[in-house]
Amino acid sequence: VVTKGGAEVALTPTELRLLLELGRHPAQVLSRVQLLERVWDYNYLGDSRLVDVCVQRVRAKVEDDPTRPRLIQTVRGVGYKLVPPP
């Protein structure tokens, strides 16, 4: 169960898999390719923008200010990392 401010947040199965994968590696940068392989399908050959769109949707649901993300951070040119709250 994912919560924000004490309220349960509804995530799609893919959004939840993405968040769980980032959570398995806190503060570690995961590339878009790694996320495509681990979240969608090992042999997925689609566009890595799929990852960006999913991250954007998750941020909109879990971040206090999705335009200034604190939990799911972008590492430009590399990928994404989950920064656990203090």
PDB file of N, CA and C in Angstrom:
ATOM      1  N   VAL A   1       0.848  -1.181   0.000  1.00  0.00           N
ATOM      2  CA  VAL A   1       0.000   0.000   0.000  1.00  0.00           C
ATOM      3  C   VAL A   1       0.890   1.240   0.000  1.00  0.00           C
ATOM      4  N   VAL A   2       0.601   2.155  -0.886  1.00  0.00           N
ATOM      5  CA  VAL A   2       1.331   3.416  -0.977  1.00  0.00           C
ATOM      6  C   VAL A   2       0.429   4.503  -0.415  1.00  0.00           C
ATOM      7  N   THR A   3       0.984   5.339   0.462  1.00  0.00           N
ATOM      8  CA  THR A   3       0.195   6.423   1.047  1.00  0.00           C
ATOM      9  C   THR A   3       0.895   7.759   0.837  1.00  0.00           C
ATOM     10  N   LYS A   4       0.088   8.799   0.861  1.00  0.00           N
ATOM     11  CA  LYS A   4       0.589  10.175   0.779  1.00  0.00           C
ATOM     12  C   LYS A   4      -0.238  10.984   1.754  1.00  0.00           C
ATOM     13  N   GLY A   5       0.415  11.536   2.760  1.00  0.00           N
ATOM     14  CA  GLY A   5      -0.304  12.312   3.758  1.00  0.00           C
ATOM     15  C   GLY A   5      -1.342  11.494   4.504  1.00  0.00           C
ATOM     16  N   GLY A   6      -1.083  10.197   4.655  1.00  0.00           N
ATOM     17  CA  GLY A   6      -2.000   9.326   5.371  1.00  0.00           C
ATOM     18  C   GLY A   6      -3.106   8.726   4.523  1.00  0.00           C
ATOM     19  N   ALA A   7      -3.242   9.200   3.298  1.00  0.00           N
ATOM     20  CA  ALA A   7      -4.288   8.680   2.408  1.00  0.00           C
ATOM     21  C   ALA A   7      -3.673   7.683   1.428  1.00  0.00           C
ATOM     22  N   GLU A   8      -4.412   6.611   1.162  1.00  0.00           N
ATOM     23  CA  GLU A   8      -3.939   5.608   0.218  1.00  0.00           C
ATOM     24  C   GLU A   8      -3.931   6.183  -1.198  1.00  0.00           C
ATOM     25  N   VAL A   9      -2.862   5.884  -1.926  1.00  0.00           N
ATOM     26  CA  VAL A   9      -2.709   6.349  -3.304  1.00  0.00           C
ATOM     27  C   VAL A   9      -2.946   5.160  -4.234  1.00  0.00           C
ATOM     28  N   ALA A  10      -3.820   5.344  -5.206  1.00  0.00           N
ATOM     29  CA  ALA A  10      -4.107   4.281  -6.173  1.00  0.00           C
ATOM     30  C   ALA A  10      -3.077   4.321  -7.295  1.00  0.00           C
ATOM     31  N   LEU A  11      -2.322   3.244  -7.427  1.00  0.00           N
ATOM     32  CA  LEU A  11      -1.338   3.117  -8.497  1.00  0.00           C
ATOM     33  C   LEU A  11      -1.733   1.961  -9.402  1.00  0.00           C
ATOM     34  N   THR A  12      -1.422   2.093 -10.673  1.00  0.00           N
ATOM     35  CA  THR A  12      -1.634   0.973 -11.589  1.00  0.00           C
ATOM     36  C   THR A  12      -0.589  -0.097 -11.261  1.00  0.00           C
ATOM     37  N   PRO A  13      -0.790  -1.324 -11.716  1.00  0.00           N
ATOM     38  CA  PRO A  13       0.225  -2.360 -11.469  1.00  0.00           C
ATOM     39  C   PRO A  13       1.613  -1.967 -11.987  1.00  0.00           C
ATOM     40  N   THR A  14       1.674  -1.330 -13.141  1.00  0.00           N
ATOM     41  CA  THR A  14       2.971  -0.919 -13.694  1.00  0.00           C
ATOM     42  C   THR A  14       3.598   0.179 -12.850  1.00  0.00           C
ATOM     43  N   GLU A  15       2.804   1.144 -12.426  1.00  0.00           N
ATOM     44  CA  GLU A  15       3.321   2.216 -11.571  1.00  0.00           C
ATOM     45  C   GLU A  15       3.859   1.638 -10.268  1.00  0.00           C
ATOM     46  N   LEU A  16       3.156   0.673  -9.703  1.00  0.00           N
ATOM     47  CA  LEU A  16       3.605   0.047  -8.464  1.00  0.00           C
ATOM     48  C   LEU A  16       4.903  -0.722  -8.687  1.00  0.00           C
ATOM     49  N   ARG A  17       5.005  -1.468  -9.785  1.00  0.00           N
ATOM     50  CA  ARG A  17       6.244  -2.198 -10.086  1.00  0.00           C
ATOM     51  C   ARG A  17       7.422  -1.232 -10.236  1.00  0.00           C
ATOM     52  N   LEU A  18       7.183  -0.094 -10.883  1.00  0.00           N
ATOM     53  CA  LEU A  18       8.237   0.908 -11.040  1.00  0.00           C
ATOM     54  C   LEU A  18       8.691   1.423  -9.679  1.00  0.00           C
ATOM     55  N   LEU A  19       7.750   1.787  -8.846  1.00  0.00           N
ATOM     56  CA  LEU A  19       8.080   2.315  -7.522  1.00  0.00           C
ATOM     57  C   LEU A  19       8.799   1.265  -6.676  1.00  0.00           C
ATOM     58  N   LEU A  20       8.342   0.023  -6.741  1.00  0.00           N
ATOM     59  CA  LEU A  20       8.993  -1.055  -5.989  1.00  0.00           C
ATOM     60  C   LEU A  20      10.413  -1.300  -6.489  1.00  0.00           C
ATOM     61  N   GLU A  21      10.606  -1.261  -7.800  1.00  0.00           N
ATOM     62  CA  GLU A  21      11.953  -1.474  -8.353  1.00  0.00           C
ATOM     63  C   GLU A  21      12.899  -0.368  -7.901  1.00  0.00           C
ATOM     64  N   LEU A  22      12.452   0.865  -7.948  1.00  0.00           N
ATOM     65  CA  LEU A  22      13.284   1.967  -7.457  1.00  0.00           C
ATOM     66  C   LEU A  22      13.537   1.807  -5.956  1.00  0.00           C
ATOM     67  N   GLY A  23      12.526   1.361  -5.226  1.00  0.00           N
ATOM     68  CA  GLY A  23      12.654   1.173  -3.783  1.00  0.00           C
ATOM     69  C   GLY A  23      13.601   0.053  -3.391  1.00  0.00           C
ATOM     70  N   ARG A  24      13.786  -0.918  -4.260  1.00  0.00           N
ATOM     71  CA  ARG A  24      14.734  -2.004  -3.984  1.00  0.00           C
ATOM     72  C   ARG A  24      16.182  -1.507  -4.029  1.00  0.00           C
ATOM     73  N   HIS A  25      16.381  -0.360  -4.644  1.00  0.00           N
ATOM     74  CA  HIS A  25      17.729   0.195  -4.829  1.00  0.00           C
ATOM     75  C   HIS A  25      17.738   1.667  -4.412  1.00  0.00           C
ATOM     76  N   PRO A  26      17.444   1.954  -3.142  1.00  0.00           N
ATOM     77  CA  PRO A  26      17.344   3.359  -2.727  1.00  0.00           C
ATOM     78  C   PRO A  26      18.641   4.125  -2.975  1.00  0.00           C
ATOM     79  N   ALA A  27      18.480   5.325  -3.499  1.00  0.00           N
ATOM     80  CA  ALA A  27      19.580   6.255  -3.787  1.00  0.00           C
ATOM     81  C   ALA A  27      20.499   5.767  -4.903  1.00  0.00           C
ATOM     82  N   GLN A  28      20.187   4.636  -5.520  1.00  0.00           N
ATOM     83  CA  GLN A  28      20.979   4.131  -6.650  1.00  0.00           C
ATOM     84  C   GLN A  28      20.287   4.531  -7.946  1.00  0.00           C
ATOM     85  N   VAL A  29      21.062   5.030  -8.897  1.00  0.00           N
ATOM     86  CA  VAL A  29      20.499   5.430 -10.182  1.00  0.00           C
ATOM     87  C   VAL A  29      20.257   4.185 -11.034  1.00  0.00           C
ATOM     88  N   LEU A  30      19.026   4.057 -11.538  1.00  0.00           N
ATOM     89  CA  LEU A  30      18.682   2.987 -12.466  1.00  0.00           C
ATOM     90  C   LEU A  30      18.438   3.618 -13.829  1.00  0.00           C
ATOM     91  N   SER A  31      19.064   3.069 -14.839  1.00  0.00           N
ATOM     92  CA  SER A  31      18.905   3.613 -16.185  1.00  0.00           C
ATOM     93  C   SER A  31      17.521   3.290 -16.727  1.00  0.00           C
ATOM     94  N   ARG A  32      17.142   4.001 -17.757  1.00  0.00           N
ATOM     95  CA  ARG A  32      15.855   3.723 -18.405  1.00  0.00           C
ATOM     96  C   ARG A  32      15.820   2.295 -18.942  1.00  0.00           C
ATOM     97  N   VAL A  33      16.931   1.836 -19.496  1.00  0.00           N
ATOM     98  CA  VAL A  33      16.993   0.470 -20.027  1.00  0.00           C
ATOM     99  C   VAL A  33      16.808  -0.545 -18.900  1.00  0.00           C
ATOM    100  N   GLN A  34      17.469  -0.328 -17.769  1.00  0.00           N
ATOM    101  CA  GLN A  34      17.295  -1.234 -16.631  1.00  0.00           C
ATOM    102  C   GLN A  34      15.836  -1.271 -16.198  1.00  0.00           C
ATOM    103  N   LEU A  35      15.213  -0.108 -16.124  1.00  0.00           N
ATOM    104  CA  LEU A  35      13.812  -0.058 -15.701  1.00  0.00           C
ATOM    105  C   LEU A  35      12.904  -0.719 -16.727  1.00  0.00           C
ATOM    106  N   LEU A  36      13.169  -0.507 -18.011  1.00  0.00           N
ATOM    107  CA  LEU A  36      12.376  -1.177 -19.047  1.00  0.00           C
ATOM    108  C   LEU A  36      12.462  -2.691 -18.892  1.00  0.00           C
ATOM    109  N   GLU A  37      13.665  -3.201 -18.678  1.00  0.00           N
ATOM    110  CA  GLU A  37      13.862  -4.641 -18.546  1.00  0.00           C
ATOM    111  C   GLU A  37      13.194  -5.194 -17.296  1.00  0.00           C
ATOM    112  N   ARG A  38      13.293  -4.467 -16.182  1.00  0.00           N
ATOM    113  CA  ARG A  38      12.826  -4.988 -14.901  1.00  0.00           C
ATOM    114  C   ARG A  38      11.343  -4.746 -14.643  1.00  0.00           C
ATOM    115  N   VAL A  39      10.804  -3.661 -15.159  1.00  0.00           N
ATOM    116  CA  VAL A  39       9.416  -3.301 -14.857  1.00  0.00           C
ATOM    117  C   VAL A  39       8.460  -3.780 -15.944  1.00  0.00           C
ATOM    118  N   TRP A  40       8.847  -3.625 -17.195  1.00  0.00           N
ATOM    119  CA  TRP A  40       7.934  -3.980 -18.287  1.00  0.00           C
ATOM    120  C   TRP A  40       8.131  -5.420 -18.736  1.00  0.00           C
ATOM    121  N   ASP A  41       9.299  -5.737 -19.217  1.00  0.00           N
ATOM    122  CA  ASP A  41       9.580  -7.091 -19.691  1.00  0.00           C
ATOM    123  C   ASP A  41      11.050  -7.139 -20.063  1.00  0.00           C
ATOM    124  N   TYR A  42      11.697  -8.193 -19.701  1.00  0.00           N
ATOM    125  CA  TYR A  42      13.130  -8.310 -19.949  1.00  0.00           C
ATOM    126  C   TYR A  42      13.486  -8.048 -21.407  1.00  0.00           C
ATOM    127  N   ASN A  43      12.650  -8.491 -22.318  1.00  0.00           N
ATOM    128  CA  ASN A  43      12.934  -8.348 -23.745  1.00  0.00           C
ATOM    129  C   ASN A  43      12.217  -7.161 -24.385  1.00  0.00           C
ATOM    130  N   TYR A  44      11.737  -6.243 -23.587  1.00  0.00           N
ATOM    131  CA  TYR A  44      10.990  -5.112 -24.130  1.00  0.00           C
ATOM    132  C   TYR A  44      11.899  -4.266 -25.013  1.00  0.00           C
ATOM    133  N   LEU A  45      11.445  -3.972 -26.216  1.00  0.00           N
ATOM    134  CA  LEU A  45      12.258  -3.200 -27.159  1.00  0.00           C
ATOM    135  C   LEU A  45      11.628  -1.850 -27.494  1.00  0.00           C
ATOM    136  N   GLY A  46      10.777  -1.358 -26.629  1.00  0.00           N
ATOM    137  CA  GLY A  46      10.069  -0.113 -26.903  1.00  0.00           C
ATOM    138  C   GLY A  46      10.899   1.118 -26.620  1.00  0.00           C
ATOM    139  N   ASP A  47      10.251   2.230 -26.727  1.00  0.00           N
ATOM    140  CA  ASP A  47      10.861   3.535 -26.533  1.00  0.00           C
ATOM    141  C   ASP A  47      11.071   3.790 -25.043  1.00  0.00           C
ATOM    142  N   SER A  48      12.245   4.293 -24.670  1.00  0.00           N
ATOM    143  CA  SER A  48      12.528   4.559 -23.260  1.00  0.00           C
ATOM    144  C   SER A  48      11.685   5.708 -22.716  1.00  0.00           C
ATOM    145  N   ARG A  49      10.993   6.440 -23.594  1.00  0.00           N
ATOM    146  CA  ARG A  49      10.078   7.490 -23.120  1.00  0.00           C
ATOM    147  C   ARG A  49       8.939   6.880 -22.305  1.00  0.00           C
ATOM    148  N   LEU A  50       8.676   5.605 -22.519  1.00  0.00           N
ATOM    149  CA  LEU A  50       7.670   4.905 -21.728  1.00  0.00           C
ATOM    150  C   LEU A  50       7.999   5.029 -20.245  1.00  0.00           C
ATOM    151  N   VAL A  51       9.272   4.907 -19.902  1.00  0.00           N
ATOM    152  CA  VAL A  51       9.710   5.047 -18.515  1.00  0.00           C
ATOM    153  C   VAL A  51       9.447   6.470 -18.036  1.00  0.00           C
ATOM    154  N   ASP A  52       9.806   7.459 -18.846  1.00  0.00           N
ATOM    155  CA  ASP A  52       9.621   8.859 -18.461  1.00  0.00           C
ATOM    156  C   ASP A  52       8.156   9.171 -18.178  1.00  0.00           C
ATOM    157  N   VAL A  53       7.280   8.667 -19.015  1.00  0.00           N
ATOM    158  CA  VAL A  53       5.845   8.919 -18.848  1.00  0.00           C
ATOM    159  C   VAL A  53       5.341   8.269 -17.566  1.00  0.00           C
ATOM    160  N   CYS A  54       5.774   7.048 -17.299  1.00  0.00           N
ATOM    161  CA  CYS A  54       5.336   6.357 -16.089  1.00  0.00           C
ATOM    162  C   CYS A  54       5.862   7.071 -14.839  1.00  0.00           C
ATOM    163  N   VAL A  55       7.118   7.506 -14.874  1.00  0.00           N
ATOM    164  CA  VAL A  55       7.684   8.254 -13.746  1.00  0.00           C
ATOM    165  C   VAL A  55       6.874   9.527 -13.519  1.00  0.00           C
ATOM    166  N   GLN A  56       6.530  10.206 -14.584  1.00  0.00           N
ATOM    167  CA  GLN A  56       5.736  11.432 -14.477  1.00  0.00           C
ATOM    168  C   GLN A  56       4.386  11.149 -13.810  1.00  0.00           C
ATOM    169  N   ARG A  57       3.739  10.051 -14.183  1.00  0.00           N
ATOM    170  CA  ARG A  57       2.445   9.698 -13.589  1.00  0.00           C
ATOM    171  C   ARG A  57       2.586   9.362 -12.104  1.00  0.00           C
ATOM    172  N   VAL A  58       3.643   8.623 -11.755  1.00  0.00           N
ATOM    173  CA  VAL A  58       3.864   8.277 -10.348  1.00  0.00           C
ATOM    174  C   VAL A  58       4.160   9.532  -9.542  1.00  0.00           C
ATOM    175  N   ARG A  59       4.994  10.404 -10.074  1.00  0.00           N
ATOM    176  CA  ARG A  59       5.291  11.660  -9.369  1.00  0.00           C
ATOM    177  C   ARG A  59       4.020  12.461  -9.103  1.00  0.00           C
ATOM    178  N   ALA A  60       3.142  12.511 -10.086  1.00  0.00           N
ATOM    179  CA  ALA A  60       1.892  13.267  -9.924  1.00  0.00           C
ATOM    180  C   ALA A  60       1.061  12.713  -8.772  1.00  0.00           C
ATOM    181  N   LYS A  61       1.221  11.440  -8.487  1.00  0.00           N
ATOM    182  CA  LYS A  61       0.430  10.802  -7.432  1.00  0.00           C
ATOM    183  C   LYS A  61       1.102  10.827  -6.063  1.00  0.00           C
ATOM    184  N   VAL A  62       2.439  10.793  -6.016  1.00  0.00           N
ATOM    185  CA  VAL A  62       3.109  10.638  -4.719  1.00  0.00           C
ATOM    186  C   VAL A  62       3.908  11.853  -4.255  1.00  0.00           C
ATOM    187  N   GLU A  63       4.289  12.719  -5.158  1.00  0.00           N
ATOM    188  CA  GLU A  63       5.096  13.885  -4.778  1.00  0.00           C
ATOM    189  C   GLU A  63       4.201  15.019  -4.284  1.00  0.00           C
ATOM    190  N   ASP A  64       4.692  15.779  -3.300  1.00  0.00           N
ATOM    191  CA  ASP A  64       3.962  16.965  -2.856  1.00  0.00           C
ATOM    192  C   ASP A  64       3.914  18.001  -3.970  1.00  0.00           C
ATOM    193  N   ASP A  65       5.032  18.169  -4.674  1.00  0.00           N
ATOM    194  CA  ASP A  65       5.105  19.076  -5.818  1.00  0.00           C
ATOM    195  C   ASP A  65       5.797  18.335  -6.961  1.00  0.00           C
ATOM    196  N   PRO A  66       5.023  17.743  -7.868  1.00  0.00           N
ATOM    197  CA  PRO A  66       5.625  16.948  -8.942  1.00  0.00           C
ATOM    198  C   PRO A  66       6.588  17.724  -9.842  1.00  0.00           C
ATOM    199  N   THR A  67       6.480  19.057  -9.852  1.00  0.00           N
ATOM    200  CA  THR A  67       7.400  19.847 -10.674  1.00  0.00           C
ATOM    201  C   THR A  67       8.769  19.995 -10.003  1.00  0.00           C
ATOM    202  N   ARG A  68       8.826  19.690  -8.713  1.00  0.00           N
ATOM    203  CA  ARG A  68      10.082  19.709  -7.952  1.00  0.00           C
ATOM    204  C   ARG A  68      10.186  18.407  -7.153  1.00  0.00           C
ATOM    205  N   PRO A  69      10.397  17.316  -7.849  1.00  0.00           N
ATOM    206  CA  PRO A  69      10.368  16.014  -7.177  1.00  0.00           C
ATOM    207  C   PRO A  69      11.473  15.855  -6.140  1.00  0.00           C
ATOM    208  N   ARG A  70      11.099  15.257  -5.017  1.00  0.00           N
ATOM    209  CA  ARG A  70      12.062  14.982  -3.957  1.00  0.00           C
ATOM    210  C   ARG A  70      12.269  13.478  -3.788  1.00  0.00           C
ATOM    211  N   LEU A  71      11.237  12.689  -4.085  1.00  0.00           N
ATOM    212  CA  LEU A  71      11.324  11.241  -3.889  1.00  0.00           C
ATOM    213  C   LEU A  71      11.920  10.530  -5.101  1.00  0.00           C
ATOM    214  N   ILE A  72      11.374  10.809  -6.276  1.00  0.00           N
ATOM    215  CA  ILE A  72      11.880  10.192  -7.503  1.00  0.00           C
ATOM    216  C   ILE A  72      12.611  11.275  -8.281  1.00  0.00           C
ATOM    217  N   GLN A  73      13.930  11.181  -8.260  1.00  0.00           N
ATOM    218  CA  GLN A  73      14.748  12.214  -8.885  1.00  0.00           C
ATOM    219  C   GLN A  73      15.322  11.743 -10.213  1.00  0.00           C
ATOM    220  N   THR A  74      15.403  12.677 -11.145  1.00  0.00           N
ATOM    221  CA  THR A  74      16.010  12.414 -12.444  1.00  0.00           C
ATOM    222  C   THR A  74      17.502  12.670 -12.352  1.00  0.00           C
ATOM    223  N   VAL A  75      18.283  11.747 -12.876  1.00  0.00           N
ATOM    224  CA  VAL A  75      19.720  11.961 -13.032  1.00  0.00           C
ATOM    225  C   VAL A  75      19.919  12.125 -14.532  1.00  0.00           C
ATOM    226  N   ARG A  76      20.082  13.360 -14.929  1.00  0.00           N
ATOM    227  CA  ARG A  76      20.082  13.732 -16.346  1.00  0.00           C
ATOM    228  C   ARG A  76      21.036  12.870 -17.171  1.00  0.00           C
ATOM    229  N   GLY A  77      20.493  12.329 -18.246  1.00  0.00           N
ATOM    230  CA  GLY A  77      21.282  11.518 -19.152  1.00  0.00           C
ATOM    231  C   GLY A  77      21.548  10.098 -18.674  1.00  0.00           C
ATOM    232  N   VAL A  78      21.068   9.770 -17.456  1.00  0.00           N
ATOM    233  CA  VAL A  78      21.338   8.445 -16.899  1.00  0.00           C
ATOM    234  C   VAL A  78      20.047   7.691 -16.613  1.00  0.00           C
ATOM    235  N   GLY A  79      19.208   8.243 -15.730  1.00  0.00           N
ATOM    236  CA  GLY A  79      17.981   7.545 -15.353  1.00  0.00           C
ATOM    237  C   GLY A  79      17.321   8.186 -14.148  1.00  0.00           C
ATOM    238  N   TYR A  80      16.860   7.330 -13.237  1.00  0.00           N
ATOM    239  CA  TYR A  80      16.106   7.799 -12.077  1.00  0.00           C
ATOM    240  C   TYR A  80      16.593   7.110 -10.814  1.00  0.00           C
ATOM    241  N   LYS A  81      16.367   7.795  -9.679  1.00  0.00           N
ATOM    242  CA  LYS A  81      16.659   7.182  -8.386  1.00  0.00           C
ATOM    243  C   LYS A  81      15.582   7.588  -7.395  1.00  0.00           C
ATOM    244  N   LEU A  82      15.358   6.719  -6.428  1.00  0.00           N
ATOM    245  CA  LEU A  82      14.419   6.993  -5.347  1.00  0.00           C
ATOM    246  C   LEU A  82      15.219   7.485  -4.158  1.00  0.00           C
ATOM    247  N   VAL A  83      14.862   8.638  -3.644  1.00  0.00           N
ATOM    248  CA  VAL A  83      15.520   9.196  -2.474  1.00  0.00           C
ATOM    249  C   VAL A  83      14.536   9.086  -1.315  1.00  0.00           C
ATOM    250  N   PRO A  84      14.802   8.174  -0.373  1.00  0.00           N
ATOM    251  CA  PRO A  84      13.875   7.997   0.744  1.00  0.00           C
ATOM    252  C   PRO A  84      13.745   9.284   1.552  1.00  0.00           C
ATOM    253  N   PRO A  85      12.551   9.551   2.074  1.00  0.00           N
ATOM    254  CA  PRO A  85      12.373  10.759   2.890  1.00  0.00           C
ATOM    255  C   PRO A  85      13.214  10.671   4.159  1.00  0.00           C
ATOM    256  N   PRO A  86      13.644  11.821   4.669  1.00  0.00           N
ATOM    257  CA  PRO A  86      14.485  11.820   5.894  1.00  0.00           C
ATOM    258  C   PRO A  86      13.718  11.335   7.107  1.00  0.00           C
TER     259      PRO A  86
END
